[in-house]
Amino acid sequence: MHEAAHASAAPAAPSAAKAPSGGLAPFDEVYRGRRIQGRPASGGHHGGHHGGHGGYAVLIDGEELHVMQNADGTWISVITHYDPVPSPYAAARAAVVELQGAPLVQLVTTH
């Protein structure tokens, strides 16, 4: 998993910068052949693993990557849970590296 952390340590693209409102700016790019997108989540949608953190939705090839912001401001994803990164943008890139071309499969939960 350390490779993903090193791959995500590259300078963030301008699209990963803070938005003027103080939130995180949206991003949309192709990274290593995968389309990664991110934007502030709207309403009660999953945008962020546990919601209440202001919510941020991250997609890889149209599939949601569950992300969560830690108390220290770092971000983790369901793919790179033990390798915190500085932003949802970095989390998306790290997940692409870790997936090694495999599709992102949605988590199935039962209640």
N, C-alpha and C. Protein backbone atom coordinates (compact mmCIF):
# COMPACT_ATOMS: atom_id res chain seq x y z
N MET A 1 0.80 -1.20 0.00
CA MET A 1 0.00 0.00 0.00
C MET A 1 0.85 1.26 0.00
N HIS A 2 2.09 1.16 0.35
CA HIS A 2 2.93 2.34 0.41
C HIS A 2 3.14 2.95 -0.96
N GLU A 3 3.07 2.14 -2.05
CA GLU A 3 3.21 2.68 -3.39
C GLU A 3 2.12 3.70 -3.65
N ALA A 4 0.89 3.43 -3.21
CA ALA A 4 -0.22 4.35 -3.43
C ALA A 4 0.05 5.67 -2.73
N ALA A 5 0.62 5.62 -1.55
CA ALA A 5 0.90 6.85 -0.83
C ALA A 5 1.95 7.67 -1.57
N HIS A 6 2.97 7.01 -2.13
CA HIS A 6 3.99 7.73 -2.86
C HIS A 6 3.44 8.27 -4.16
N ALA A 7 2.58 7.52 -4.84
CA ALA A 7 2.00 7.97 -6.09
C ALA A 7 1.11 9.18 -5.87
N SER A 8 0.45 9.26 -4.73
CA SER A 8 -0.45 10.37 -4.47
C SER A 8 0.29 11.57 -3.89
N ALA A 9 1.58 11.43 -3.62
CA ALA A 9 2.34 12.52 -3.03
C ALA A 9 2.73 13.56 -4.07
N ALA A 10 2.45 13.31 -5.35
CA ALA A 10 2.74 14.28 -6.38
C ALA A 10 1.96 15.55 -6.13
N PRO A 11 2.46 16.68 -6.63
CA PRO A 11 1.74 17.94 -6.41
C PRO A 11 0.30 17.84 -6.91
N ALA A 12 -0.60 18.39 -6.16
CA ALA A 12 -2.01 18.35 -6.53
C ALA A 12 -2.26 19.25 -7.72
N ALA A 13 -3.16 18.82 -8.57
CA ALA A 13 -3.56 19.64 -9.71
C ALA A 13 -4.33 20.85 -9.21
N PRO A 14 -4.38 21.92 -10.00
CA PRO A 14 -5.12 23.10 -9.57
C PRO A 14 -6.56 22.78 -9.21
N SER A 15 -7.14 21.76 -9.84
CA SER A 15 -8.54 21.41 -9.58
C SER A 15 -8.73 20.86 -8.17
N ALA A 16 -7.65 20.49 -7.48
CA ALA A 16 -7.78 19.95 -6.14
C ALA A 16 -7.62 21.03 -5.07
N ALA A 17 -7.46 22.26 -5.51
CA ALA A 17 -7.26 23.37 -4.57
C ALA A 17 -8.54 23.68 -3.82
N LYS A 18 -8.38 24.44 -2.76
CA LYS A 18 -9.55 24.89 -2.00
C LYS A 18 -10.38 25.82 -2.87
N ALA A 19 -11.68 25.66 -2.82
CA ALA A 19 -12.59 26.55 -3.53
C ALA A 19 -12.67 27.88 -2.78
N PRO A 20 -13.04 28.96 -3.45
CA PRO A 20 -13.12 30.26 -2.79
C PRO A 20 -14.04 30.25 -1.56
N SER A 21 -15.03 29.39 -1.54
CA SER A 21 -15.96 29.33 -0.41
C SER A 21 -15.34 28.65 0.81
N GLY A 22 -14.11 28.14 0.68
CA GLY A 22 -13.45 27.46 1.79
C GLY A 22 -13.59 25.95 1.69
N GLY A 23 -14.44 25.48 0.81
CA GLY A 23 -14.61 24.05 0.61
C GLY A 23 -13.58 23.52 -0.38
N LEU A 24 -13.73 22.28 -0.77
CA LEU A 24 -12.81 21.69 -1.74
C LEU A 24 -13.38 21.86 -3.14
N ALA A 25 -12.53 22.23 -4.07
CA ALA A 25 -12.94 22.44 -5.45
C ALA A 25 -13.22 21.10 -6.13
N PRO A 26 -14.12 21.09 -7.09
CA PRO A 26 -14.36 19.87 -7.87
C PRO A 26 -13.15 19.54 -8.73
N PHE A 27 -13.04 18.27 -9.13
CA PHE A 27 -12.01 17.86 -10.08
C PHE A 27 -12.60 16.84 -11.03
N ASP A 28 -12.03 16.75 -12.22
CA ASP A 28 -12.47 15.80 -13.24
C ASP A 28 -11.30 15.61 -14.19
N GLU A 29 -10.69 14.42 -14.17
CA GLU A 29 -9.56 14.17 -15.04
C GLU A 29 -9.44 12.68 -15.31
N VAL A 30 -8.60 12.35 -16.27
CA VAL A 30 -8.25 10.95 -16.52
C VAL A 30 -6.87 10.74 -15.93
N TYR A 31 -6.77 9.77 -15.03
CA TYR A 31 -5.52 9.44 -14.35
C TYR A 31 -5.24 7.96 -14.56
N ARG A 32 -4.12 7.66 -15.17
CA ARG A 32 -3.73 6.27 -15.47
C ARG A 32 -4.85 5.51 -16.19
N GLY A 33 -5.50 6.21 -17.10
CA GLY A 33 -6.55 5.59 -17.91
C GLY A 33 -7.90 5.48 -17.23
N ARG A 34 -8.04 6.01 -16.04
CA ARG A 34 -9.31 5.95 -15.30
C ARG A 34 -9.83 7.38 -15.11
N ARG A 35 -11.12 7.56 -15.27
CA ARG A 35 -11.71 8.88 -15.05
C ARG A 35 -12.00 9.05 -13.57
N ILE A 36 -11.40 10.06 -12.97
CA ILE A 36 -11.66 10.37 -11.57
C ILE A 36 -12.37 11.71 -11.50
N GLN A 37 -13.39 11.77 -10.65
CA GLN A 37 -14.17 12.98 -10.47
C GLN A 37 -14.42 13.20 -8.99
N GLY A 38 -14.54 14.44 -8.61
CA GLY A 38 -14.86 14.76 -7.23
C GLY A 38 -15.58 16.08 -7.16
N ARG A 39 -16.51 16.17 -6.23
CA ARG A 39 -17.27 17.40 -6.03
C ARG A 39 -17.92 17.37 -4.66
N PRO A 40 -18.23 18.53 -4.12
CA PRO A 40 -18.96 18.55 -2.86
C PRO A 40 -20.27 17.77 -3.03
N ALA A 41 -20.60 16.96 -2.05
CA ALA A 41 -21.81 16.14 -2.12
C ALA A 41 -23.02 17.02 -1.85
N SER A 42 -24.11 16.65 -2.48
CA SER A 42 -25.35 17.41 -2.26
C SER A 42 -26.31 16.60 -1.41
N GLY A 43 -26.99 17.26 -0.52
CA GLY A 43 -28.03 16.64 0.29
C GLY A 43 -27.56 15.44 1.07
N GLY A 44 -28.43 14.45 1.19
CA GLY A 44 -28.16 13.28 2.01
C GLY A 44 -27.48 12.16 1.27
N HIS A 45 -27.02 12.41 0.01
CA HIS A 45 -26.34 11.36 -0.73
C HIS A 45 -25.08 10.94 0.02
N HIS A 46 -24.52 9.83 -0.36
CA HIS A 46 -23.41 9.23 0.37
C HIS A 46 -22.21 10.13 0.55
N GLY A 47 -21.97 11.08 -0.34
CA GLY A 47 -20.82 11.93 -0.37
C GLY A 47 -19.95 11.94 0.86
N GLY A 48 -19.15 11.10 1.09
CA GLY A 48 -18.35 10.99 2.31
C GLY A 48 -18.87 9.79 3.05
N HIS A 49 -18.00 9.00 3.54
CA HIS A 49 -18.36 7.71 4.11
C HIS A 49 -19.40 7.82 5.21
N HIS A 50 -19.28 8.83 6.04
CA HIS A 50 -20.23 8.95 7.14
C HIS A 50 -21.08 10.20 7.05
N GLY A 51 -21.14 10.83 5.89
CA GLY A 51 -21.97 12.02 5.74
C GLY A 51 -21.42 13.20 6.48
N GLY A 52 -21.99 13.66 7.53
CA GLY A 52 -21.78 14.85 8.29
C GLY A 52 -20.45 15.57 8.27
N HIS A 53 -19.55 15.33 7.36
CA HIS A 53 -18.27 16.04 7.30
C HIS A 53 -18.31 17.09 6.20
N GLY A 54 -19.48 17.58 5.83
CA GLY A 54 -19.56 18.49 4.72
C GLY A 54 -19.72 17.70 3.43
N GLY A 55 -19.38 16.45 3.43
CA GLY A 55 -19.58 15.54 2.33
C GLY A 55 -18.84 15.88 1.05
N TYR A 56 -18.20 14.93 0.50
CA TYR A 56 -17.51 15.08 -0.76
C TYR A 56 -17.68 13.77 -1.52
N ALA A 57 -18.17 13.85 -2.74
CA ALA A 57 -18.39 12.66 -3.57
C ALA A 57 -17.21 12.46 -4.51
N VAL A 58 -16.68 11.24 -4.54
CA VAL A 58 -15.58 10.89 -5.43
C VAL A 58 -16.02 9.71 -6.28
N LEU A 59 -15.77 9.79 -7.57
CA LEU A 59 -16.13 8.73 -8.50
C LEU A 59 -14.90 8.26 -9.27
N ILE A 60 -14.83 6.97 -9.50
CA ILE A 60 -13.83 6.39 -10.38
C ILE A 60 -14.60 5.65 -11.47
N ASP A 61 -14.44 6.11 -12.70
CA ASP A 61 -15.18 5.54 -13.83
C ASP A 61 -16.68 5.49 -13.55
N GLY A 62 -17.20 6.51 -12.88
CA GLY A 62 -18.63 6.60 -12.61
C GLY A 62 -19.11 5.87 -11.38
N GLU A 63 -18.24 5.11 -10.73
CA GLU A 63 -18.61 4.38 -9.52
C GLU A 63 -18.13 5.16 -8.29
N GLU A 64 -18.97 5.25 -7.28
CA GLU A 64 -18.61 6.01 -6.09
C GLU A 64 -17.53 5.33 -5.27
N LEU A 65 -16.50 6.10 -4.96
CA LEU A 65 -15.46 5.69 -4.03
C LEU A 65 -15.80 6.34 -2.70
N HIS A 66 -16.08 5.56 -1.70
CA HIS A 66 -16.44 6.12 -0.40
C HIS A 66 -15.19 6.72 0.25
N VAL A 67 -15.28 8.00 0.59
CA VAL A 67 -14.18 8.71 1.23
C VAL A 67 -14.66 9.31 2.54
N MET A 68 -13.71 9.57 3.42
CA MET A 68 -14.04 10.15 4.72
C MET A 68 -12.89 11.04 5.15
N GLN A 69 -13.23 12.17 5.74
CA GLN A 69 -12.20 13.05 6.28
C GLN A 69 -11.96 12.70 7.74
N ASN A 70 -10.70 12.54 8.09
CA ASN A 70 -10.31 12.26 9.47
C ASN A 70 -10.29 13.56 10.29
N ALA A 71 -10.25 13.43 11.59
CA ALA A 71 -10.24 14.59 12.49
C ALA A 71 -9.03 15.49 12.24
N ASP A 72 -7.92 14.93 11.77
CA ASP A 72 -6.72 15.74 11.53
C ASP A 72 -6.72 16.41 10.16
N GLY A 73 -7.81 16.26 9.40
CA GLY A 73 -7.92 16.90 8.09
C GLY A 73 -7.49 16.03 6.93
N THR A 74 -6.89 14.86 7.21
CA THR A 74 -6.51 13.96 6.13
C THR A 74 -7.74 13.19 5.65
N TRP A 75 -7.60 12.52 4.53
CA TRP A 75 -8.71 11.77 3.93
C TRP A 75 -8.30 10.32 3.73
N ILE A 76 -9.28 9.43 3.87
CA ILE A 76 -9.08 8.01 3.58
C ILE A 76 -10.22 7.55 2.68
N SER A 77 -9.99 6.44 2.01
CA SER A 77 -11.04 5.83 1.20
C SER A 77 -11.20 4.38 1.60
N VAL A 78 -12.24 3.77 1.12
CA VAL A 78 -12.47 2.36 1.41
C VAL A 78 -11.35 1.50 0.81
N ILE A 79 -10.67 2.00 -0.21
CA ILE A 79 -9.57 1.26 -0.85
C ILE A 79 -8.25 1.46 -0.10
N THR A 80 -8.01 2.66 0.36
CA THR A 80 -6.74 2.99 1.00
C THR A 80 -6.97 3.45 2.44
N HIS A 81 -7.70 2.66 3.17
CA HIS A 81 -8.15 3.02 4.51
C HIS A 81 -7.01 3.32 5.49
N TYR A 82 -5.88 2.68 5.33
CA TYR A 82 -4.78 2.86 6.28
C TYR A 82 -3.68 3.77 5.76
N ASP A 83 -3.93 4.43 4.65
CA ASP A 83 -2.96 5.36 4.07
C ASP A 83 -3.61 6.72 3.87
N PRO A 84 -3.72 7.53 4.92
CA PRO A 84 -4.37 8.84 4.78
C PRO A 84 -3.61 9.75 3.80
N VAL A 85 -4.36 10.56 3.09
CA VAL A 85 -3.82 11.50 2.12
C VAL A 85 -4.41 12.89 2.37
N PRO A 86 -3.85 13.93 1.76
CA PRO A 86 -4.28 15.29 2.10
C PRO A 86 -5.61 15.75 1.50
N SER A 87 -6.17 15.04 0.54
CA SER A 87 -7.38 15.53 -0.12
C SER A 87 -8.16 14.39 -0.77
N PRO A 88 -9.44 14.63 -1.10
CA PRO A 88 -10.19 13.62 -1.85
C PRO A 88 -9.56 13.35 -3.22
N TYR A 89 -8.97 14.37 -3.82
CA TYR A 89 -8.27 14.22 -5.10
C TYR A 89 -7.13 13.20 -4.95
N ALA A 90 -6.34 13.35 -3.91
CA ALA A 90 -5.24 12.41 -3.66
C ALA A 90 -5.79 11.02 -3.34
N ALA A 91 -6.94 10.95 -2.65
CA ALA A 91 -7.55 9.66 -2.33
C ALA A 91 -7.99 8.95 -3.61
N ALA A 92 -8.54 9.69 -4.56
CA ALA A 92 -8.96 9.10 -5.84
C ALA A 92 -7.76 8.56 -6.59
N ARG A 93 -6.68 9.34 -6.66
CA ARG A 93 -5.48 8.89 -7.36
C ARG A 93 -4.86 7.67 -6.67
N ALA A 94 -4.80 7.68 -5.35
CA ALA A 94 -4.23 6.54 -4.62
C ALA A 94 -5.07 5.28 -4.84
N ALA A 95 -6.38 5.43 -4.89
CA ALA A 95 -7.25 4.27 -5.13
C ALA A 95 -7.03 3.70 -6.52
N VAL A 96 -6.85 4.56 -7.52
CA VAL A 96 -6.57 4.08 -8.89
C VAL A 96 -5.29 3.26 -8.90
N VAL A 97 -4.27 3.76 -8.23
CA VAL A 97 -2.99 3.03 -8.17
C VAL A 97 -3.21 1.67 -7.50
N GLU A 98 -3.92 1.67 -6.38
CA GLU A 98 -4.13 0.43 -5.61
C GLU A 98 -5.00 -0.57 -6.38
N LEU A 99 -5.97 -0.09 -7.14
CA LEU A 99 -6.85 -0.98 -7.90
C LEU A 99 -6.11 -1.71 -9.02
N GLN A 100 -5.03 -1.16 -9.51
CA GLN A 100 -4.21 -1.79 -10.56
C GLN A 100 -5.06 -2.24 -11.75
N GLY A 101 -6.01 -1.41 -12.16
CA GLY A 101 -6.84 -1.72 -13.32
C GLY A 101 -8.13 -2.47 -13.01
N ALA A 102 -8.27 -2.98 -11.80
CA ALA A 102 -9.50 -3.69 -11.42
C ALA A 102 -10.65 -2.69 -11.31
N PRO A 103 -11.86 -3.13 -11.59
CA PRO A 103 -13.00 -2.22 -11.45
C PRO A 103 -13.30 -1.95 -9.98
N LEU A 104 -13.83 -0.76 -9.73
CA LEU A 104 -14.29 -0.42 -8.38
C LEU A 104 -15.67 -1.04 -8.21
N VAL A 105 -15.82 -1.89 -7.22
CA VAL A 105 -17.07 -2.59 -6.97
C VAL A 105 -17.73 -1.95 -5.75
N GLN A 106 -19.01 -1.67 -5.84
CA GLN A 106 -19.73 -1.03 -4.74
C GLN A 106 -19.86 -1.97 -3.55
N LEU A 107 -19.77 -1.37 -2.38
CA LEU A 107 -19.98 -2.12 -1.15
C LEU A 107 -21.46 -2.46 -1.01
N VAL A 108 -21.72 -3.64 -0.54
CA VAL A 108 -23.10 -4.06 -0.32
C VAL A 108 -23.29 -4.21 1.19
N THR A 109 -24.24 -3.49 1.72
CA THR A 109 -24.51 -3.60 3.15
C THR A 109 -25.91 -4.11 3.37
N THR A 110 -26.09 -4.83 4.42
CA THR A 110 -27.42 -5.31 4.77
C THR A 110 -27.83 -4.68 6.09
N HIS A 111 -29.05 -4.37 6.21
CA HIS A 111 -29.54 -3.72 7.44
C HIS A 111 -30.44 -4.64 8.21
